[in-house]
Protein backbone atom coordinates (compact mmCIF):
# COMPACT_ATOMS: atom_id res chain seq x y z
CA MET A 1 -0.02 -0.10 0.42
CA PRO A 2 1.66 3.41 -0.74
CA GLN A 3 2.61 5.62 1.95
CA PRO A 4 0.52 9.11 2.36
CA HIS A 5 2.62 11.84 0.88
CA LEU A 6 4.67 14.25 3.47
CA ARG A 7 3.21 17.79 2.60
CA THR A 8 4.25 21.00 3.66
CA VAL A 9 2.74 24.30 2.77
CA VAL A 10 4.44 27.60 2.35
CA VAL A 11 2.23 30.88 2.10
CA LEU A 12 4.46 33.51 0.86
CA ALA A 13 3.18 36.90 2.81
CA ALA A 14 5.95 39.42 3.43
CA GLY A 15 5.19 41.56 1.01
CA GLU A 16 4.54 45.00 1.70
CA GLY A 17 1.99 45.83 -0.61
CA LYS A 18 2.69 49.30 -1.62
CA ARG A 19 0.13 50.12 -3.94
CA MET A 20 -2.77 49.33 -1.23
CA LYS A 21 -1.07 52.55 0.22
CA SER A 22 -2.37 51.27 3.83
CA ALA A 23 -0.63 51.31 7.57
CA LEU A 24 -2.30 47.36 7.05
CA PRO A 25 -0.25 44.57 5.71
CA LYS A 26 -2.12 43.58 2.41
CA VAL A 27 -2.39 40.36 3.38
CA LEU A 28 -4.47 41.27 6.10
CA HIS A 29 -7.00 43.36 4.44
CA PRO A 30 -10.64 41.76 5.06
CA LEU A 31 -12.61 40.30 2.19
CA LEU A 32 -15.99 38.82 3.13
CA GLY A 33 -15.47 37.30 6.51
CA ARG A 34 -11.55 36.45 5.98
CA THR A 35 -8.63 38.01 5.33
CA LEU A 36 -6.74 37.78 2.02
CA LEU A 37 -3.98 35.53 3.67
CA GLY A 38 -7.29 33.82 5.95
CA HIS A 39 -8.68 32.89 2.77
CA VAL A 40 -5.52 31.38 1.22
CA LEU A 41 -5.14 29.61 4.33
CA SER A 42 -8.77 27.80 4.26
CA ALA A 43 -7.79 27.04 0.69
CA ALA A 44 -4.95 24.24 1.35
CA ALA A 45 -6.56 23.36 4.65
CA PRO A 46 -8.12 20.38 3.57
CA LEU A 47 -4.52 19.39 1.92
CA GLY A 48 -4.07 18.29 5.74
CA ALA A 49 -0.37 19.03 5.52
CA ASP A 50 1.98 18.55 8.20
CA ARG A 51 3.30 21.69 8.11
CA THR A 52 2.35 24.82 6.86
CA VAL A 53 4.80 28.32 7.22
CA VAL A 54 4.02 31.31 6.85
CA VAL A 55 6.47 33.62 5.72
CA VAL A 56 6.08 37.25 7.12
CA GLY A 57 8.29 40.88 6.56
CA HIS A 58 6.22 43.61 6.28
CA GLY A 59 4.12 44.34 9.96
CA ALA A 60 5.23 40.64 10.64
CA ASP A 61 3.84 41.53 14.53
CA GLN A 62 0.94 42.34 13.11
CA VAL A 63 0.49 39.39 10.10
CA ARG A 64 1.77 36.87 13.18
CA GLU A 65 -1.09 38.01 16.02
CA HIS A 66 -3.32 37.15 12.92
CA LEU A 67 -2.35 33.81 12.37
CA ALA A 68 -2.26 32.90 16.40
CA GLU A 69 -6.06 33.63 16.01
CA VAL A 70 -7.17 32.05 12.35
CA ALA A 71 -3.99 29.13 12.32
CA PRO A 72 -2.19 28.72 15.93
CA THR A 73 -0.64 25.86 13.94
CA ALA A 74 0.97 27.45 11.21
CA THR A 75 4.52 28.85 11.40
CA PRO A 76 5.48 32.11 10.81
CA VAL A 77 9.29 32.79 9.86
CA LEU A 78 10.71 36.19 9.37
CA GLN A 79 12.45 37.08 5.98
CA ALA A 80 13.69 40.64 7.12
CA GLU A 81 14.60 42.04 3.93
CA GLN A 82 12.51 41.32 0.76
CA LEU A 83 14.88 39.43 -1.86
CA GLY A 84 12.53 37.57 -4.01
CA THR A 85 9.99 34.86 -3.46
CA GLY A 86 13.14 32.12 -3.82
CA HIS A 87 14.85 33.50 -0.65
CA ALA A 88 11.67 33.52 0.93
CA VAL A 89 11.02 29.88 0.32
CA ARG A 90 14.93 29.15 0.89
CA ILE A 91 13.97 30.67 4.42
CA ALA A 92 10.76 28.79 4.98
CA LEU A 93 12.16 25.26 4.47
CA GLU A 94 15.21 26.24 6.57
CA ALA A 95 12.24 26.06 9.59
CA VAL A 96 11.81 22.39 8.54
CA PRO A 97 14.82 21.25 7.90
CA ASP A 98 14.18 17.22 7.59
CA GLY A 99 11.41 17.95 5.17
CA ALA A 100 10.92 15.95 2.51
CA GLY A 101 7.86 14.59 0.50
CA THR A 102 5.86 17.92 -1.24
CA VAL A 103 5.86 21.27 -0.71
CA VAL A 104 3.16 23.72 -1.69
CA VAL A 105 4.30 27.18 -2.08
CA ILE A 106 0.87 29.59 -2.31
CA ASN A 107 1.29 33.65 -2.88
CA GLY A 108 -0.66 34.68 0.36
CA ASP A 109 -2.78 37.67 -2.20
CA VAL A 110 -5.29 35.08 -3.70
CA PRO A 111 -8.61 34.79 -1.99
CA LEU A 112 -10.74 33.64 -4.50
CA LEU A 113 -8.57 30.23 -4.96
CA ARG A 114 -10.83 27.22 -3.87
CA PRO A 115 -9.22 24.27 -2.32
CA GLU A 116 -10.36 21.69 -4.90
CA THR A 117 -8.35 23.33 -7.44
CA VAL A 118 -4.98 23.52 -4.86
CA GLY A 119 -6.00 19.50 -4.29
CA ALA A 120 -6.18 19.08 -7.72
CA LEU A 121 -2.73 20.92 -8.64
CA VAL A 122 -0.96 18.54 -5.73
CA THR A 123 -2.78 15.11 -7.07
CA ALA A 124 -1.37 15.76 -10.94
CA HIS A 125 2.16 16.59 -9.12
CA GLU A 126 2.09 13.99 -7.05
CA GLU A 127 0.24 11.25 -9.54
CA ALA A 128 3.25 12.29 -12.15
CA ALA A 129 6.14 12.19 -9.74
CA ALA A 130 7.21 15.78 -10.88
CA ALA A 131 10.21 17.74 -9.82
CA ALA A 132 7.88 20.69 -9.63
CA THR A 133 4.54 22.09 -11.11
CA VAL A 134 2.98 25.21 -11.61
CA LEU A 135 -0.90 26.24 -11.42
CA ALA A 136 -1.47 28.26 -14.70
CA ALA A 137 -4.61 29.80 -16.15
CA GLU A 138 -5.67 31.55 -19.58
CA VAL A 139 -6.44 34.86 -19.04
CA PRO A 140 -8.19 38.24 -20.55
CA ASP A 141 -5.56 40.38 -19.68
CA PRO A 142 -2.17 38.99 -18.72
CA THR A 143 -1.07 42.62 -18.04
CA GLY A 144 1.98 42.63 -15.28
CA LEU A 145 2.06 38.96 -14.55
CA GLY A 146 4.39 35.82 -15.37
CA ARG A 147 4.33 34.19 -18.58
CA ILE A 148 4.14 30.13 -19.06
CA VAL A 149 6.67 30.00 -22.07
CA ARG A 150 5.91 26.29 -23.56
CA ASP A 151 8.44 24.54 -25.81
CA ALA A 152 7.29 22.73 -29.50
CA ASP A 153 5.47 19.89 -27.91
CA GLY A 154 3.58 22.14 -25.04
CA ARG A 155 5.97 21.41 -22.57
CA LEU A 156 7.25 23.79 -19.80
CA GLU A 157 9.90 25.66 -20.94
CA GLN A 158 10.35 28.54 -18.88
CA ILE A 159 8.35 31.22 -16.66
CA VAL A 160 8.93 34.82 -17.12
CA GLU A 161 8.21 37.69 -15.07
CA GLU A 162 7.22 40.25 -17.18
CA ARG A 163 9.65 42.80 -16.79
CA ASP A 164 11.54 40.53 -18.33
CA ALA A 165 9.89 39.54 -21.28
CA ASP A 166 10.52 39.98 -24.64
CA PRO A 167 7.26 41.30 -26.76
CA ALA A 168 6.40 37.42 -28.05
CA GLN A 169 6.48 36.03 -24.56
CA ARG A 170 4.60 39.02 -23.43
CA ALA A 171 1.63 38.65 -26.34
CA ILE A 172 1.40 35.19 -24.22
CA ARG A 173 -2.02 34.76 -21.95
CA GLU A 174 -1.36 32.14 -20.27
CA ILE A 175 0.06 33.24 -16.78
CA ASN A 176 1.67 31.87 -13.44
CA ALA A 177 -1.11 31.98 -10.99
CA GLY A 178 1.97 31.69 -8.13
CA ILE A 179 0.65 28.45 -7.09
CA TYR A 180 3.17 25.56 -6.97
CA ALA A 181 3.79 22.03 -5.98
CA PHE A 182 7.58 20.82 -5.61
CA ASP A 183 9.44 17.76 -4.60
CA ALA A 184 10.83 19.12 -1.45
CA VAL A 185 14.48 17.73 -1.88
CA ARG A 186 14.49 18.61 -5.45
CA LEU A 187 13.29 22.21 -4.54
CA ARG A 188 16.37 22.56 -1.87
CA GLU A 189 19.14 21.93 -4.28
CA SER A 190 17.38 24.54 -6.73
CA LEU A 191 17.36 26.77 -3.98
CA GLY A 192 20.74 27.45 -3.46
CA LYS A 193 21.74 27.81 -6.97
CA LEU A 194 19.26 30.86 -8.00
CA SER A 195 20.74 34.08 -9.50
CA THR A 196 19.89 37.39 -8.88
CA ASP A 197 20.68 38.32 -12.22
CA ASN A 198 16.93 39.84 -13.74
CA ASP A 199 15.32 43.06 -13.72
CA GLN A 200 14.62 43.01 -10.06
CA GLY A 201 18.25 41.75 -8.79
CA GLU A 202 15.62 39.26 -6.88
CA GLU A 203 15.98 35.76 -6.39
CA TYR A 204 13.15 34.31 -8.32
CA LEU A 205 11.33 30.78 -7.33
CA THR A 206 10.29 30.79 -10.76
CA ASP A 207 13.77 30.53 -11.59
CA VAL A 208 13.57 26.69 -9.95
CA PHE A 209 11.47 25.07 -13.06
CA GLY A 210 14.36 26.47 -15.78
CA LEU A 211 16.92 24.72 -13.31
CA LEU A 212 15.20 21.55 -13.27
CA ARG A 213 14.44 21.50 -16.75
CA SER A 214 17.80 21.81 -17.60
CA ALA A 215 18.67 18.91 -15.34
CA GLY A 216 16.62 16.87 -17.11
CA GLU A 217 14.18 16.65 -14.12
CA PRO A 218 10.45 16.35 -15.08
CA VAL A 219 8.52 19.33 -14.63
CA ALA A 220 4.81 20.02 -15.55
CA VAL A 221 2.07 22.44 -15.88
CA HIS A 222 -1.34 22.05 -14.30
CA VAL A 223 -4.18 24.77 -15.65
CA ALA A 224 -6.58 25.75 -13.56
CA GLY A 225 -10.49 25.53 -14.65
CA ASP A 226 -11.43 29.17 -14.07
CA HIS A 227 -9.07 32.06 -14.44
CA VAL A 228 -10.78 33.83 -11.71
CA GLU A 229 -9.51 31.62 -9.10
CA THR A 230 -6.00 32.89 -10.15
CA LEU A 231 -6.67 36.38 -9.54
CA GLY A 232 -4.10 38.04 -7.48
CA CYS A 233 -4.66 41.59 -4.83
CA ASN A 234 -2.49 44.67 -5.57
CA ASP A 235 -4.26 47.52 -5.21
CA ARG A 236 -8.07 48.66 -3.60
CA VAL A 237 -9.50 48.55 -7.02
CA GLU A 238 -8.44 45.32 -7.50
CA LEU A 239 -10.00 44.19 -3.58
CA ALA A 240 -12.65 45.66 -4.74
CA THR A 241 -13.26 43.79 -7.59
CA LEU A 242 -12.43 40.78 -6.08
CA ARG A 243 -14.79 41.39 -3.32
CA ARG A 244 -17.37 41.46 -6.11
CA LEU A 245 -16.59 38.06 -7.99
CA LEU A 246 -16.48 36.80 -4.12
CA ARG A 247 -20.06 38.00 -3.50
CA ASP A 248 -21.33 36.46 -6.27
CA ARG A 249 -19.87 32.97 -6.02
CA ILE A 250 -21.24 33.22 -2.13
CA ASN A 251 -25.01 34.01 -3.47
CA GLU A 252 -24.66 31.83 -6.23
CA ALA A 253 -23.87 29.20 -4.04
CA TRP A 254 -26.56 29.92 -1.02
CA MET A 255 -29.67 30.21 -3.77
CA ARG A 256 -28.55 26.77 -5.33
CA THR A 257 -29.12 25.35 -1.38
CA GLY A 258 -32.32 26.96 -1.48
CA VAL A 259 -32.02 30.32 0.47
CA SER A 260 -34.04 33.31 -1.90
CA LEU A 261 -31.56 36.39 -2.39
CA LEU A 262 -34.35 38.90 -3.76
CA ASP A 263 -31.56 41.42 -4.51
CA PRO A 264 -27.85 39.36 -5.00
CA ALA A 265 -25.83 42.49 -5.95
CA THR A 266 -26.69 44.75 -2.78
CA THR A 267 -26.42 41.27 -0.46
CA TRP A 268 -23.05 40.77 1.02
CA ILE A 269 -22.61 37.26 2.83
CA ASP A 270 -19.48 36.28 4.59
CA VAL A 271 -17.39 33.10 3.55
CA THR A 272 -18.73 31.98 7.46
CA VAL A 273 -22.61 32.79 7.52
CA ALA A 274 -24.83 29.95 7.35
CA LEU A 275 -28.15 29.88 6.45
CA ASP A 276 -30.92 27.53 6.29
CA ARG A 277 -33.29 26.34 3.91
CA ASP A 278 -35.59 29.08 2.97
CA ALA A 279 -34.41 31.91 4.36
CA VAL A 280 -35.40 35.01 2.75
CA VAL A 281 -32.55 38.18 2.45
CA GLU A 282 -33.64 41.35 0.72
CA GLN A 283 -32.03 43.63 -0.88
CA ASN A 284 -29.08 46.07 0.98
CA THR A 285 -28.60 43.62 3.37
CA GLN A 286 -25.08 42.39 4.89
CA LEU A 287 -24.39 38.90 6.71
CA ARG A 288 -21.24 39.06 8.72
CA GLY A 289 -19.29 37.13 11.04
CA GLY A 290 -20.56 34.10 12.52
CA THR A 291 -24.14 34.96 11.58
CA VAL A 292 -26.97 32.15 11.43
CA VAL A 293 -30.36 32.56 9.38
CA GLY A 294 -32.41 30.40 10.54
CA ALA A 295 -35.13 28.49 8.18
CA GLY A 296 -38.05 30.43 7.11
CA ALA A 297 -36.42 33.81 8.40
CA LEU A 298 -36.72 37.07 7.15
CA VAL A 299 -33.48 39.25 6.81
CA GLY A 300 -34.02 42.57 5.27
CA PRO A 301 -34.44 45.21 3.78
CA ASP A 302 -31.41 47.45 4.61
CA VAL A 303 -30.17 45.17 7.61
CA THR A 304 -26.93 44.26 8.81
CA LEU A 305 -26.24 41.41 11.04
CA VAL A 306 -22.83 40.92 12.52
CA ASP A 307 -22.22 37.79 14.53
CA THR A 308 -25.63 37.63 15.14
CA ILE A 309 -28.59 34.09 15.21
CA VAL A 310 -31.86 34.37 13.51
CA GLY A 311 -34.35 31.83 14.84
CA PRO A 312 -36.69 29.77 12.56
CA GLY A 313 -39.12 32.01 10.93
CA ALA A 314 -37.83 35.48 12.90
CA SER A 315 -37.84 38.78 11.06
CA VAL A 316 -35.04 41.09 11.26
CA VAL A 317 -36.44 44.47 8.95
CA ARG A 318 -34.31 47.95 8.20
CA SER A 319 -32.16 47.25 11.71
CA HIS A 320 -28.55 46.22 13.23
CA ALA A 321 -27.68 43.58 15.18
CA VAL A 322 -24.03 42.45 16.53
CA GLY A 323 -23.85 39.85 18.92
CA ALA A 324 -27.50 39.17 19.34
CA GLU A 325 -29.72 36.21 19.28
CA VAL A 326 -33.10 36.44 17.79
CA GLY A 327 -35.89 33.80 18.77
CA ALA A 328 -37.95 31.57 16.59
CA GLY A 329 -40.95 34.13 15.81
CA ALA A 330 -39.59 36.94 17.12
CA THR A 331 -39.49 40.42 15.24
CA VAL A 332 -37.13 42.96 15.42
CA GLY A 333 -37.38 46.32 13.51
CA PRO A 334 -37.99 48.52 11.40
CA TYR A 335 -34.57 50.98 13.02
CA ALA A 336 -33.75 48.85 15.90
CA TYR A 337 -30.38 48.44 17.30
CA LEU A 338 -29.29 45.14 19.13
CA ARG A 339 -26.12 45.24 20.80
CA PRO A 340 -24.21 42.38 22.53
CA GLU A 341 -25.97 40.11 24.58
CA ALA A 342 -29.50 41.10 23.52
CA ARG A 343 -31.60 37.60 23.71
CA LEU A 344 -35.24 37.89 22.04
CA GLY A 345 -37.46 34.94 23.01
CA GLU A 346 -39.66 32.92 21.03
CA LYS A 347 -42.09 35.10 19.50
CA ALA A 348 -40.87 38.92 21.23
CA LYS A 349 -40.82 41.74 19.70
CA VAL A 350 -38.27 44.72 19.64
CA GLY A 351 -39.91 47.50 17.50
CA THR A 352 -39.00 50.77 16.06
CA PHE A 353 -36.12 53.09 17.62
CA VAL A 354 -35.59 50.33 20.44
CA GLU A 355 -32.03 49.55 21.22
CA VAL A 356 -31.48 46.60 23.41
CA LYS A 357 -28.18 45.91 25.24
CA ASN A 358 -26.80 42.61 27.25
CA SER A 359 -30.56 42.12 28.07
CA GLN A 360 -33.06 39.15 27.83
CA LEU A 361 -36.45 39.33 26.61
CA GLY A 362 -38.45 36.09 27.62
CA ALA A 363 -41.12 34.66 24.96
CA GLY A 364 -43.80 37.04 23.90
CA ALA A 365 -42.50 39.95 25.09
CA LYS A 366 -42.90 42.84 23.47
CA VAL A 367 -40.33 46.50 23.45
CA PRO A 368 -42.90 48.26 20.85
CA HIS A 369 -40.77 51.55 20.29
CA LEU A 370 -38.55 54.69 21.43
CA THR A 371 -37.01 52.82 24.33
CA TYR A 372 -33.58 52.02 25.54
CA VAL A 373 -33.22 48.71 27.46
CA GLY A 374 -29.86 47.60 28.91
CA ASP A 375 -28.82 45.20 31.45
CA ALA A 376 -32.26 44.26 31.77
CA THR A 377 -34.11 40.57 32.27
CA ILE A 378 -37.75 40.90 30.83
CA GLY A 379 -40.18 38.05 31.57
CA GLU A 380 -42.22 36.20 29.56
CA GLN A 381 -45.93 38.23 27.53
CA THR A 382 -44.70 41.12 29.18
CA ASN A 383 -44.99 44.54 27.41
CA ILE A 384 -42.76 47.56 27.89
CA GLY A 385 -44.55 51.02 27.10
CA ALA A 386 -43.08 53.56 24.90
CA ALA A 387 -40.23 56.06 25.76
CA SER A 388 -39.14 54.00 28.85
CA VAL A 389 -35.03 53.83 29.52
CA PHE A 390 -33.61 51.04 31.77
CA VAL A 391 -31.20 53.75 33.32
CA ASN A 392 -28.24 50.78 34.23
CA TYR A 393 -25.15 53.03 34.74
CA ASP A 394 -24.56 54.70 37.81
CA GLY A 395 -21.21 56.48 36.27
CA VAL A 396 -19.29 53.74 37.63
CA ASN A 397 -20.89 50.51 37.75
CA LYS A 398 -23.64 48.98 35.70
CA HIS A 399 -26.91 47.48 37.36
CA ARG A 400 -29.73 45.37 36.52
CA THR A 401 -33.32 45.65 35.80
CA VAL A 402 -35.67 42.55 36.11
CA ILE A 403 -39.45 42.69 35.16
CA GLY A 404 -41.48 39.65 35.90
CA SER A 405 -43.82 37.86 33.22
CA HIS A 406 -47.11 39.02 32.43
CA ALA A 407 -46.20 42.62 33.60
CA ARG A 408 -47.67 46.13 32.10
CA THR A 409 -45.40 49.16 32.33
CA GLY A 410 -46.47 52.37 31.41
CA ALA A 411 -45.35 54.93 28.81
CA ASP A 412 -42.21 57.43 29.76
CA ASN A 413 -41.21 55.10 32.49
CA MET A 414 -37.39 55.23 34.10
CA PHE A 415 -36.34 51.92 35.46
CA VAL A 416 -33.09 53.01 38.07
CA ALA A 417 -31.58 50.04 38.56
CA PRO A 418 -30.98 48.23 40.54
CA VAL A 419 -34.55 47.14 40.62
CA GLU A 420 -37.54 44.53 40.10
CA VAL A 421 -40.85 44.80 39.00
CA GLY A 422 -42.68 42.03 40.10
CA ASP A 423 -45.40 39.34 37.79
CA GLY A 424 -47.93 40.59 37.24
CA ALA A 425 -47.37 44.00 38.27
CA TYR A 426 -48.56 47.61 36.35
CA THR A 427 -46.32 51.05 36.39
CA ALA A 428 -47.91 54.33 35.64
CA ALA A 429 -47.37 56.70 33.15
CA GLY A 430 -44.74 58.79 33.62
CA SER A 431 -43.11 56.96 36.64
CA VAL A 432 -39.49 56.78 37.44
CA ILE A 433 -39.37 53.59 39.31
CA VAL A 434 -36.62 53.64 41.92
CA ASP A 435 -38.18 51.05 44.57
CA ASP A 436 -39.38 47.32 43.68
CA VAL A 437 -42.74 47.09 42.95
CA PRO A 438 -44.44 43.59 44.39
CA ALA A 439 -46.07 41.36 42.18
CA GLY A 440 -49.88 42.39 41.14
CA ALA A 441 -48.90 45.89 42.44
CA MET A 442 -49.34 49.38 40.69
CA GLY A 443 -46.22 51.00 40.58
CA VAL A 444 -46.90 54.96 40.28
CA ALA A 445 -43.97 57.51 40.95
CA ARG A 446 -44.99 60.64 39.47
CA ALA A 447 -45.74 64.02 41.35
CA ARG A 448 -49.66 65.49 41.27
CA GLN A 449 -49.93 67.77 38.73
CA ARG A 450 -51.17 71.43 39.27
CA ASN A 451 -51.83 74.40 37.16
CA ILE A 452 -50.94 77.92 37.74
CA GLU A 453 -53.93 79.84 36.24
CA GLY A 454 -52.97 82.74 34.27
CA TRP A 455 -49.00 82.15 34.95
CA VAL A 456 -49.11 82.87 30.82
CA ALA A 457 -50.28 86.34 31.03
CA LYS A 458 -48.56 87.60 33.86
CA ARG A 459 -44.96 86.11 32.90
CA ARG A 460 -45.06 85.77 28.91
CA ALA A 461 -47.45 89.24 28.50
CA GLY A 462 -46.80 90.54 24.78
CA THR A 463 -45.99 86.81 23.11
CA ALA A 464 -47.85 85.17 20.67
CA ALA A 465 -48.70 82.49 23.45
CA ALA A 466 -50.00 84.88 25.38
CA GLU A 467 -52.36 86.31 22.71
CA ALA A 468 -53.46 82.59 21.87
CA ALA A 469 -54.26 82.27 25.16
CA GLN A 470 -56.17 85.65 25.80
CA ARG A 471 -58.28 84.59 22.65
CA ALA A 472 -59.13 81.32 24.09
CA VAL A 473 -60.29 82.11 27.41
CA ALA A 474 -62.09 85.01 25.59
CA ALA A 475 -63.75 82.33 23.24
CA LYS A 476 -64.58 79.99 26.06
CA GLY A 477 -66.45 82.68 28.32
CA ALA A 478 -68.34 83.73 25.07
CA SER A 479 -69.63 80.12 24.81
CA GLU A 480 -70.49 79.45 28.38
CA GLY A 481 -72.46 82.78 28.51
CA ALA A 482 -74.73 81.81 25.08
CA GLY A 483 -75.00 78.18 27.05
CA THR A 484 -76.26 79.61 30.07
CA ALA A 485 -79.05 81.95 28.30
CA SER A 486 -79.82 78.97 25.87
CA ASP A 487 -80.28 76.35 29.15
CA SER A 488 -82.79 78.81 30.85
CA GLU A 489 -84.73 79.28 27.80
CA ALA A 490 -85.05 75.73 27.10
CA ILE A 491 -85.91 74.49 30.83
CA HIS A 492 -88.69 77.57 30.64
CA GLY A 493 -89.84 75.51 27.46
CA VAL A 494 -90.25 72.10 29.12
CA GLY A 495 -91.58 73.61 32.13
CA GLU A 496 -94.78 75.60 30.06
CA THR A 497 -95.25 71.91 28.43
CA VAL A 498 -95.34 69.87 31.34
CA GLY A 499 -97.64 72.68 32.71
CA GLY A 500 -99.81 72.41 30.26
CA ALA A 501 -100.23 68.87 30.33
CA SER A 502 -100.64 68.71 33.99
CA GLY A 503 -103.00 71.80 34.68
CA THR A 504 -100.16 73.19 37.25
CA GLY A 505 -96.90 75.09 35.99
CA ASP A 506 -95.31 74.72 39.63
CA THR A 507 -95.80 71.33 40.03
CA ALA A 508 -93.79 70.50 36.44
CA THR A 509 -90.65 72.90 38.01
CA ASP A 510 -91.32 71.08 41.68
């Protein structure tokens, strides 16, 4: 039985990426849920490599920190001076001096590369027992890319960088994708023979192919089925292009699983998101991070969800949520904001202009409008009145409010934490609740209203308000005077009628 190949993956991530014009290393720029480097590592992961080495250089500390988060088993190796791709691979292999088998080298800026393509390259290389195999692609515009130069028999003759290519070679549209598979032993031997005799004065990894061919070693080309996978990223314009291409790939895949995307062109879904069948995503929606959308749920339009779980049959409309959980059948929005640790139970409701933070709403609980809920627990089937504020912060510490089940709180309430409102309790509109309200009680915390007659005439004389008040008082007085006369006449008429019927007017008026 053949023994499995020992495999080493080397990712080249040391470049500065000057054209990005950014303080952030190029390979750390984000693209729909992962960095450029993260996408490359994900594409290589199914190989099951024994070792993964990432060559770092520009922004090395930032790249190391990122690797510790996304690929803690990978080994970062510093290329202090960027002296070429050949030099970078030589440094990488020094970290695995006993390495044999297959070495897979991938540029760190090809985020659309599919795992299937990497796997096919390595399989073809190992089955052919080649010394080196390059991934190639036929592209519409090869400008700026290395060319695959073949001999009369169609075999690889050399890989030429554009700067070093002659006019005939520049016309070639088959390009080097920057992804390779090597026999480890023969790669090591060739790396020690590389020259810097080229336009950039660097050690080109691609020169290994020429050295191996000259030594009679078998070299091969594996052509990618889709050249889009091989697109690299050198500036922000290319990054935006890659983002659109990846968006389309992701959206198509989800639609084919039974998810409805009403406007794919304005729907942006990270590669880390999960959606169940019959979920509906409307236009202008962004789903990021570890967001999960359940079966039959409706999300959008105009929604951003980050690391948020939306349960089956729930709906989130024109809202923003981060680190929240929306229970099955619950409704959110429009214009709601769910902050981290907001937890909505089954069929709960968070309505218009409501913000919820670090709070739990029980099943069927409702916060319909114009309310801030912070650091609170709200029981099942409880209704929170409009324009309420859960006053959770005393300037130093956060405190918690507990509202029981089946409670009804009035509009314009302030709950000054720590405070508790019991099951089935009510609170009056306009109350500032600073003490616990027992179960079944009515909490009233407001001063009795008093009216100061004539205040406007005294304190705001000559204003439009004073004139309006004077007119209203005069109109009321006239109305009351007319009403008195009319009532007197009506009473007199009734007396006459009754007196006529009874024969005595005095009896009728008693």
